[in-house]
């Protein structure tokens, strides 16, 4: 028997999952969240999807990969399914995601600089610390003013503080 799927017959949930590179649970989840059009049920209760569902799964996975949430995709696809043109909304959401990503990258670059500086300072401290003695690296780091400011900026307090 050939493992090739016909391009005209409906696909069982497991076939759609395999062709899309996801689990059958993921296919069912996408259907429940209205990302996929509802499956037709066989007399035995199995879900069967149209061949078009493979392209829809690619679209869903592509949207998720660039940061769209399941909820956002469901809203976009619902509008599209009803004949709307959500293109401007898609573009706006993507621009918002880019702005968030760029902000996060700046934060990560700042954190990288700080961590490099901290490791250099720790290396200097360790070079002066006799072997077998505690250098108290984390304690010094935790009480450093820059560390305190960053922790407070992220809403992280010391243990026992409100």
N, C-alpha and C. Protein backbone atom coordinates (compact mmCIF):
# COMPACT_ATOMS: atom_id res chain seq x y z
N UNK A 1 0.84 -1.19 0.00
CA UNK A 1 0.00 0.00 0.00
C UNK A 1 0.88 1.24 0.00
N UNK A 2 0.55 2.21 -0.78
CA UNK A 2 1.32 3.44 -0.90
C UNK A 2 1.06 4.33 0.30
N UNK A 3 2.12 5.02 0.77
CA UNK A 3 1.94 5.94 1.89
C UNK A 3 1.55 7.33 1.40
N UNK A 4 1.45 7.49 0.11
CA UNK A 4 1.07 8.77 -0.48
C UNK A 4 -0.42 9.03 -0.25
N UNK A 5 -0.75 10.26 0.11
CA UNK A 5 -2.13 10.64 0.37
C UNK A 5 -2.74 11.18 -0.91
N UNK A 6 -3.92 10.74 -1.22
CA UNK A 6 -4.63 11.24 -2.39
C UNK A 6 -4.93 12.72 -2.20
N UNK A 7 -4.96 13.46 -3.31
CA UNK A 7 -5.22 14.89 -3.20
C UNK A 7 -6.71 15.21 -3.26
N UNK A 8 -7.55 14.19 -3.34
CA UNK A 8 -8.99 14.47 -3.44
C UNK A 8 -9.77 13.99 -2.23
N UNK A 9 -9.31 12.98 -1.55
CA UNK A 9 -10.08 12.47 -0.43
C UNK A 9 -9.80 13.25 0.84
N UNK A 10 -10.76 13.26 1.75
CA UNK A 10 -10.55 13.95 3.03
C UNK A 10 -9.42 13.30 3.84
N UNK A 11 -8.90 14.04 4.78
CA UNK A 11 -7.81 13.56 5.62
C UNK A 11 -8.32 13.31 7.04
N UNK A 12 -7.94 12.18 7.58
CA UNK A 12 -8.22 11.94 8.99
C UNK A 12 -7.33 12.87 9.80
N UNK A 13 -7.71 13.09 11.03
CA UNK A 13 -6.98 13.99 11.92
C UNK A 13 -5.50 13.60 12.00
N UNK A 14 -5.22 12.33 12.15
CA UNK A 14 -3.82 11.89 12.27
C UNK A 14 -3.04 12.14 10.98
N UNK A 15 -3.70 12.01 9.83
CA UNK A 15 -3.03 12.29 8.56
C UNK A 15 -2.71 13.78 8.44
N UNK A 16 -3.67 14.62 8.79
CA UNK A 16 -3.44 16.05 8.74
C UNK A 16 -2.30 16.42 9.70
N UNK A 17 -2.29 15.82 10.85
CA UNK A 17 -1.24 16.09 11.83
C UNK A 17 0.13 15.71 11.26
N UNK A 18 0.22 14.52 10.70
CA UNK A 18 1.49 14.04 10.13
C UNK A 18 1.96 14.94 9.01
N UNK A 19 1.06 15.30 8.11
CA UNK A 19 1.42 16.16 6.98
C UNK A 19 1.82 17.57 7.42
N UNK A 20 1.32 17.98 8.57
CA UNK A 20 1.58 19.33 9.07
C UNK A 20 2.72 19.40 10.07
N UNK A 21 3.20 18.24 10.51
CA UNK A 21 4.30 18.22 11.46
C UNK A 21 3.90 18.56 12.88
N UNK A 22 2.64 18.25 13.23
CA UNK A 22 2.15 18.49 14.59
C UNK A 22 1.50 17.21 15.10
N UNK A 23 1.07 17.23 16.33
CA UNK A 23 0.37 16.07 16.88
C UNK A 23 -1.12 16.16 16.56
N UNK A 24 -1.79 15.04 16.67
CA UNK A 24 -3.25 15.02 16.47
C UNK A 24 -3.93 15.88 17.54
N UNK A 25 -3.36 15.91 18.74
CA UNK A 25 -3.91 16.77 19.79
C UNK A 25 -3.86 18.24 19.37
N UNK A 26 -2.80 18.62 18.70
CA UNK A 26 -2.67 20.00 18.23
C UNK A 26 -3.73 20.31 17.18
N UNK A 27 -3.96 19.38 16.27
CA UNK A 27 -5.01 19.57 15.25
C UNK A 27 -6.36 19.76 15.94
N UNK A 28 -6.66 18.92 16.92
CA UNK A 28 -7.94 19.02 17.63
C UNK A 28 -8.03 20.35 18.39
N UNK A 29 -6.91 20.78 18.99
CA UNK A 29 -6.88 22.05 19.70
C UNK A 29 -7.17 23.20 18.73
N UNK A 30 -6.52 23.20 17.57
CA UNK A 30 -6.74 24.26 16.58
C UNK A 30 -8.20 24.26 16.11
N UNK A 31 -8.78 23.09 15.97
CA UNK A 31 -10.18 23.03 15.57
C UNK A 31 -11.08 23.63 16.66
N UNK A 32 -10.81 23.25 17.93
CA UNK A 32 -11.61 23.79 19.04
C UNK A 32 -11.49 25.31 19.14
N UNK A 33 -10.31 25.83 18.83
CA UNK A 33 -10.07 27.27 18.92
C UNK A 33 -10.45 28.02 17.64
N UNK A 34 -11.09 27.32 16.72
CA UNK A 34 -11.61 27.89 15.47
C UNK A 34 -10.52 28.39 14.51
N UNK A 35 -9.35 27.81 14.60
CA UNK A 35 -8.30 28.12 13.63
C UNK A 35 -8.52 27.29 12.37
N UNK A 36 -9.00 26.08 12.56
CA UNK A 36 -9.35 25.20 11.44
C UNK A 36 -10.86 25.21 11.29
N UNK A 37 -11.30 25.05 10.07
CA UNK A 37 -12.74 24.89 9.87
C UNK A 37 -13.16 23.59 10.52
N UNK A 38 -14.37 23.51 11.04
CA UNK A 38 -14.81 22.30 11.74
C UNK A 38 -14.70 21.06 10.85
N UNK A 39 -14.22 20.00 11.45
CA UNK A 39 -14.09 18.74 10.72
C UNK A 39 -15.46 18.09 10.56
N UNK A 40 -15.60 17.36 9.49
CA UNK A 40 -16.77 16.52 9.29
C UNK A 40 -16.51 15.25 10.10
N UNK A 41 -17.55 14.68 10.65
CA UNK A 41 -17.40 13.44 11.42
C UNK A 41 -17.90 12.25 10.61
N UNK A 42 -17.13 11.17 10.68
CA UNK A 42 -17.57 9.94 10.03
C UNK A 42 -18.65 9.31 10.91
N UNK A 43 -19.29 8.27 10.41
CA UNK A 43 -20.32 7.59 11.20
C UNK A 43 -19.72 7.00 12.47
N UNK A 44 -18.41 6.74 12.45
CA UNK A 44 -17.74 6.21 13.64
C UNK A 44 -17.23 7.33 14.55
N UNK A 45 -17.45 8.58 14.15
CA UNK A 45 -17.05 9.71 14.99
C UNK A 45 -15.66 10.26 14.72
N UNK A 46 -14.97 9.71 13.72
CA UNK A 46 -13.63 10.23 13.40
C UNK A 46 -13.73 11.57 12.69
N UNK A 47 -12.79 12.45 13.01
CA UNK A 47 -12.72 13.74 12.32
C UNK A 47 -12.07 13.55 10.96
N UNK A 48 -12.65 14.19 9.95
CA UNK A 48 -12.01 14.22 8.63
C UNK A 48 -12.00 15.67 8.16
N UNK A 49 -10.86 16.04 7.61
CA UNK A 49 -10.62 17.41 7.17
C UNK A 49 -10.42 17.44 5.67
N UNK A 50 -10.71 18.57 5.07
CA UNK A 50 -10.49 18.72 3.63
C UNK A 50 -8.99 18.85 3.37
N UNK A 51 -8.61 18.62 2.13
CA UNK A 51 -7.22 18.78 1.72
C UNK A 51 -6.74 20.22 1.95
N UNK A 52 -7.66 21.18 1.86
CA UNK A 52 -7.31 22.59 2.09
C UNK A 52 -6.79 22.82 3.50
N UNK A 53 -7.08 21.90 4.40
CA UNK A 53 -6.65 22.06 5.78
C UNK A 53 -5.13 22.00 5.92
N UNK A 54 -4.45 21.35 5.00
CA UNK A 54 -2.98 21.30 5.05
C UNK A 54 -2.42 22.72 4.87
N UNK A 55 -2.93 23.44 3.88
CA UNK A 55 -2.48 24.82 3.67
C UNK A 55 -2.87 25.69 4.86
N UNK A 56 -4.02 25.44 5.42
CA UNK A 56 -4.47 26.22 6.59
C UNK A 56 -3.53 25.97 7.77
N UNK A 57 -3.11 24.72 7.95
CA UNK A 57 -2.17 24.40 9.03
C UNK A 57 -0.84 25.12 8.81
N UNK A 58 -0.39 25.20 7.56
CA UNK A 58 0.85 25.92 7.26
C UNK A 58 0.70 27.39 7.63
N UNK A 59 -0.44 27.97 7.30
CA UNK A 59 -0.72 29.36 7.62
C UNK A 59 -0.72 29.57 9.14
N UNK A 60 -1.36 28.68 9.86
CA UNK A 60 -1.43 28.78 11.33
C UNK A 60 -0.03 28.70 11.92
N UNK A 61 0.72 27.72 11.49
CA UNK A 61 2.07 27.54 12.03
C UNK A 61 2.97 28.72 11.68
N UNK A 62 2.81 29.28 10.49
CA UNK A 62 3.60 30.45 10.10
C UNK A 62 3.23 31.65 10.98
N UNK A 63 1.93 31.85 11.20
CA UNK A 63 1.48 32.95 12.06
C UNK A 63 2.00 32.82 13.48
N UNK A 64 1.93 31.61 14.02
CA UNK A 64 2.44 31.38 15.37
C UNK A 64 3.94 31.61 15.44
N UNK A 65 4.65 31.23 14.38
CA UNK A 65 6.11 31.34 14.39
C UNK A 65 6.59 32.78 14.41
N UNK A 66 5.77 33.72 13.96
CA UNK A 66 6.19 35.13 14.00
C UNK A 66 5.55 35.88 15.17
N UNK A 67 4.92 35.13 16.07
CA UNK A 67 4.47 35.74 17.31
C UNK A 67 2.99 35.99 17.46
N UNK A 68 2.18 35.65 16.46
CA UNK A 68 0.74 35.81 16.62
C UNK A 68 0.26 34.78 17.63
N UNK A 69 -0.68 35.18 18.47
CA UNK A 69 -1.25 34.24 19.43
C UNK A 69 -2.36 33.43 18.75
N UNK A 70 -2.74 32.35 19.38
CA UNK A 70 -3.84 31.53 18.88
C UNK A 70 -5.11 32.38 18.81
N UNK A 71 -5.34 33.19 19.83
CA UNK A 71 -6.53 34.04 19.86
C UNK A 71 -6.51 35.05 18.71
N UNK A 72 -5.36 35.69 18.49
CA UNK A 72 -5.26 36.66 17.40
C UNK A 72 -5.51 35.98 16.06
N UNK A 73 -4.91 34.82 15.86
CA UNK A 73 -5.11 34.10 14.60
C UNK A 73 -6.57 33.70 14.43
N UNK A 74 -7.21 33.26 15.49
CA UNK A 74 -8.62 32.87 15.40
C UNK A 74 -9.48 34.05 14.97
N UNK A 75 -9.20 35.23 15.53
CA UNK A 75 -9.97 36.42 15.16
C UNK A 75 -9.72 36.81 13.70
N UNK A 76 -8.47 36.76 13.29
CA UNK A 76 -8.11 37.10 11.91
C UNK A 76 -8.77 36.13 10.94
N UNK A 77 -8.69 34.84 11.24
CA UNK A 77 -9.25 33.83 10.34
C UNK A 77 -10.79 33.87 10.34
N UNK A 78 -11.37 34.20 11.47
CA UNK A 78 -12.84 34.34 11.52
C UNK A 78 -13.27 35.47 10.59
N UNK A 79 -12.57 36.60 10.64
CA UNK A 79 -12.90 37.72 9.76
C UNK A 79 -12.71 37.32 8.29
N UNK A 80 -11.60 36.64 8.03
CA UNK A 80 -11.32 36.21 6.66
C UNK A 80 -12.37 35.21 6.16
N UNK A 81 -12.75 34.27 7.02
CA UNK A 81 -13.75 33.26 6.65
C UNK A 81 -15.10 33.88 6.33
N UNK A 82 -15.38 35.02 6.97
CA UNK A 82 -16.67 35.66 6.73
C UNK A 82 -16.60 36.67 5.59
N UNK A 83 -15.51 36.63 4.82
CA UNK A 83 -15.39 37.48 3.64
C UNK A 83 -14.67 38.79 3.88
N UNK A 84 -14.22 39.02 5.11
CA UNK A 84 -13.50 40.25 5.42
C UNK A 84 -12.06 40.22 4.93
N UNK A 85 -11.42 41.36 5.03
CA UNK A 85 -10.02 41.50 4.63
C UNK A 85 -9.22 42.06 5.81
N UNK A 86 -8.72 41.16 6.67
CA UNK A 86 -8.03 41.61 7.88
C UNK A 86 -6.57 42.02 7.66
N UNK A 87 -6.20 42.30 6.43
CA UNK A 87 -4.79 42.54 6.08
C UNK A 87 -4.17 43.70 6.86
N UNK A 88 -4.88 44.81 6.99
CA UNK A 88 -4.33 45.96 7.71
C UNK A 88 -4.16 45.62 9.19
N UNK A 89 -5.08 44.86 9.74
CA UNK A 89 -4.97 44.44 11.14
C UNK A 89 -3.76 43.51 11.31
N UNK A 90 -3.58 42.59 10.37
CA UNK A 90 -2.44 41.68 10.43
C UNK A 90 -1.14 42.48 10.41
N UNK A 91 -1.07 43.46 9.53
CA UNK A 91 0.12 44.29 9.41
C UNK A 91 0.38 45.07 10.70
N UNK A 92 -0.69 45.62 11.29
CA UNK A 92 -0.56 46.39 12.53
C UNK A 92 -0.08 45.50 13.67
N UNK A 93 -0.66 44.31 13.79
CA UNK A 93 -0.24 43.38 14.84
C UNK A 93 1.22 42.98 14.66
N UNK A 94 1.63 42.73 13.42
CA UNK A 94 3.03 42.35 13.16
C UNK A 94 3.97 43.49 13.55
N UNK A 95 3.58 44.73 13.25
CA UNK A 95 4.41 45.88 13.61
C UNK A 95 4.52 46.00 15.13
N UNK A 96 3.43 45.74 15.84
CA UNK A 96 3.45 45.78 17.30
C UNK A 96 4.38 44.70 17.85
N UNK A 97 4.33 43.53 17.26
CA UNK A 97 5.20 42.43 17.69
C UNK A 97 6.66 42.78 17.44
N UNK A 98 6.94 43.42 16.31
CA UNK A 98 8.30 43.84 16.01
C UNK A 98 8.79 44.84 17.04
N UNK A 99 7.96 45.80 17.42
CA UNK A 99 8.35 46.80 18.42
C UNK A 99 8.66 46.13 19.76
N UNK A 100 7.84 45.17 20.14
CA UNK A 100 8.07 44.43 21.39
C UNK A 100 9.38 43.65 21.31
N UNK A 101 9.60 43.00 20.18
CA UNK A 101 10.82 42.22 19.99
C UNK A 101 12.06 43.12 20.04
N UNK A 102 11.98 44.27 19.39
CA UNK A 102 13.13 45.19 19.40
C UNK A 102 13.41 45.69 20.81
N UNK A 103 12.36 45.98 21.58
CA UNK A 103 12.55 46.39 22.97
C UNK A 103 13.20 45.27 23.78
N UNK A 104 12.71 44.06 23.58
CA UNK A 104 13.26 42.90 24.31
C UNK A 104 14.72 42.68 23.92
N UNK A 105 15.06 42.87 22.64
CA UNK A 105 16.45 42.73 22.22
C UNK A 105 17.35 43.76 22.90
N UNK A 106 16.86 45.00 23.01
CA UNK A 106 17.64 46.03 23.71
C UNK A 106 17.85 45.64 25.17
N UNK A 107 16.80 45.11 25.80
CA UNK A 107 16.92 44.66 27.19
C UNK A 107 17.92 43.52 27.31
N UNK A 108 17.87 42.57 26.38
CA UNK A 108 18.80 41.44 26.42
C UNK A 108 20.24 41.89 26.18
N UNK A 109 20.44 42.84 25.27
CA UNK A 109 21.79 43.36 25.02
C UNK A 109 22.33 44.07 26.27
N UNK A 110 21.47 44.81 26.94
CA UNK A 110 21.87 45.48 28.18
C UNK A 110 22.22 44.45 29.25
N UNK A 111 21.38 43.42 29.33
CA UNK A 111 21.63 42.36 30.31
C UNK A 111 22.93 41.65 29.99
N UNK A 112 23.23 41.41 28.71
CA UNK A 112 24.48 40.76 28.30
C UNK A 112 25.67 41.61 28.73
N UNK A 113 25.60 42.94 28.47
CA UNK A 113 26.70 43.82 28.89
C UNK A 113 26.90 43.76 30.40
N UNK A 114 25.80 43.80 31.14
CA UNK A 114 25.88 43.75 32.59
C UNK A 114 26.46 42.42 33.07
N UNK A 115 26.04 41.33 32.45
CA UNK A 115 26.55 40.02 32.86
C UNK A 115 28.04 39.89 32.53
N UNK A 116 28.47 40.39 31.38
CA UNK A 116 29.90 40.37 31.04
C UNK A 116 30.70 41.16 32.07
N UNK A 117 30.19 42.34 32.42
CA UNK A 117 30.86 43.18 33.41
C UNK A 117 30.91 42.47 34.77
N UNK A 118 29.82 41.84 35.14
CA UNK A 118 29.76 41.12 36.41
C UNK A 118 30.76 39.98 36.43
N UNK A 119 30.84 39.23 35.36
CA UNK A 119 31.78 38.10 35.30
C UNK A 119 33.22 38.60 35.38
N UNK A 120 33.51 39.71 34.73
CA UNK A 120 34.86 40.30 34.82
C UNK A 120 35.18 40.70 36.25
N UNK A 121 34.21 41.33 36.90
CA UNK A 121 34.41 41.73 38.30
C UNK A 121 34.58 40.50 39.18
N UNK A 122 33.80 39.47 38.92
CA UNK A 122 33.94 38.22 39.69
C UNK A 122 35.31 37.60 39.47
N UNK A 123 35.81 37.64 38.24
CA UNK A 123 37.15 37.10 37.96
C UNK A 123 38.20 37.84 38.78
N UNK A 124 38.08 39.18 38.88
CA UNK A 124 39.03 39.96 39.68
C UNK A 124 38.91 39.59 41.16
N UNK A 125 37.66 39.43 41.62
CA UNK A 125 37.43 39.04 43.02
C UNK A 125 38.00 37.66 43.30
N UNK A 126 37.75 36.73 42.40
CA UNK A 126 38.25 35.36 42.59
C UNK A 126 39.77 35.31 42.58
N UNK A 127 40.39 36.15 41.77
CA UNK A 127 41.85 36.18 41.71
C UNK A 127 42.44 36.63 43.05
N UNK A 128 41.70 37.44 43.80
CA UNK A 128 42.18 37.94 45.10
C UNK A 128 41.72 37.07 46.27
N UNK A 129 40.82 36.14 46.02
CA UNK A 129 40.26 35.32 47.10
C UNK A 129 41.12 34.07 47.29
N UNK A 130 41.57 33.83 48.53
CA UNK A 130 42.37 32.63 48.77
C UNK A 130 41.57 31.36 48.43
N UNK A 131 42.27 30.36 47.89
CA UNK A 131 41.64 29.10 47.52
C UNK A 131 40.94 28.50 48.74
N UNK A 132 39.71 28.05 48.54
CA UNK A 132 38.95 27.43 49.62
C UNK A 132 38.13 28.41 50.43
N UNK A 133 38.33 29.71 50.21
CA UNK A 133 37.54 30.73 50.90
C UNK A 133 36.37 31.16 50.02
N UNK A 134 35.29 31.56 50.68
CA UNK A 134 34.12 32.02 49.93
C UNK A 134 34.33 33.45 49.44
N UNK A 135 34.03 33.68 48.18
CA UNK A 135 34.14 35.03 47.61
C UNK A 135 32.83 35.79 47.74
N UNK A 136 31.74 35.09 48.02
CA UNK A 136 30.41 35.69 48.20
C UNK A 136 29.98 36.46 46.95
N UNK A 137 30.19 35.86 45.79
CA UNK A 137 29.89 36.51 44.52
C UNK A 137 28.42 36.90 44.40
N UNK A 138 27.53 35.97 44.68
CA UNK A 138 26.10 36.27 44.54
C UNK A 138 25.63 37.30 45.55
N UNK A 139 26.15 37.24 46.76
CA UNK A 139 25.76 38.23 47.77
C UNK A 139 26.16 39.63 47.34
N UNK A 140 27.38 39.78 46.83
CA UNK A 140 27.84 41.08 46.35
C UNK A 140 27.03 41.54 45.15
N UNK A 141 26.69 40.61 44.28
CA UNK A 141 25.89 40.95 43.11
C UNK A 141 24.50 41.40 43.53
N UNK A 142 23.90 40.68 44.47
CA UNK A 142 22.53 40.96 44.91
C UNK A 142 22.41 42.33 45.58
N UNK A 143 23.48 42.78 46.21
CA UNK A 143 23.40 44.07 46.92
C UNK A 143 23.95 45.22 46.09
N UNK A 144 24.40 44.95 44.88
CA UNK A 144 24.91 46.01 44.00
C UNK A 144 23.76 46.93 43.59
N UNK A 145 23.96 48.25 43.59
CA UNK A 145 22.87 49.18 43.25
C UNK A 145 22.24 48.93 41.87
N UNK A 146 23.05 48.57 40.86
CA UNK A 146 22.48 48.29 39.53
C UNK A 146 21.56 47.08 39.58
N UNK A 147 21.97 46.07 40.34
CA UNK A 147 21.14 44.86 40.47
C UNK A 147 19.83 45.20 41.15
N UNK A 148 19.91 45.99 42.22
CA UNK A 148 18.70 46.37 42.95
C UNK A 148 17.74 47.13 42.04
N UNK A 149 18.28 48.06 41.26
CA UNK A 149 17.43 48.85 40.36
C UNK A 149 16.77 47.94 39.32
N UNK A 150 17.51 46.98 38.77
CA UNK A 150 16.95 46.08 37.76
C UNK A 150 15.88 45.18 38.37
N UNK A 151 16.14 44.67 39.57
CA UNK A 151 15.17 43.79 40.22
C UNK A 151 13.88 44.55 40.54
N UNK A 152 14.02 45.78 41.02
CA UNK A 152 12.83 46.57 41.32
C UNK A 152 12.09 46.94 40.05
N UNK A 153 12.82 47.18 38.96
CA UNK A 153 12.20 47.49 37.67
C UNK A 153 11.40 46.33 37.13
N UNK A 154 11.77 45.12 37.50
CA UNK A 154 11.04 43.92 37.06
C UNK A 154 10.01 43.48 38.08
N UNK A 155 9.86 44.24 39.15
CA UNK A 155 8.87 43.88 40.17
C UNK A 155 9.30 42.75 41.07
N UNK A 156 10.63 42.54 41.18
CA UNK A 156 11.13 41.46 42.01
C UNK A 156 11.67 42.09 43.30
N UNK A 157 11.11 41.69 44.42
CA UNK A 157 11.57 42.21 45.70
C UNK A 157 12.39 41.15 46.42
N UNK A 158 13.12 41.63 47.43
CA UNK A 158 13.84 40.69 48.29
C UNK A 158 12.82 39.88 49.07
N UNK A 159 13.25 38.69 49.48
CA UNK A 159 12.39 37.83 50.28
C UNK A 159 11.97 38.57 51.56
N UNK A 160 10.71 38.50 51.89
CA UNK A 160 10.21 39.15 53.09
C UNK A 160 9.70 40.56 52.85
N UNK A 161 9.95 41.10 51.66
CA UNK A 161 9.45 42.44 51.35
C UNK A 161 8.11 42.34 50.66
N UNK A 162 7.24 43.32 50.87
CA UNK A 162 5.92 43.27 50.19
C UNK A 162 6.03 43.48 48.71
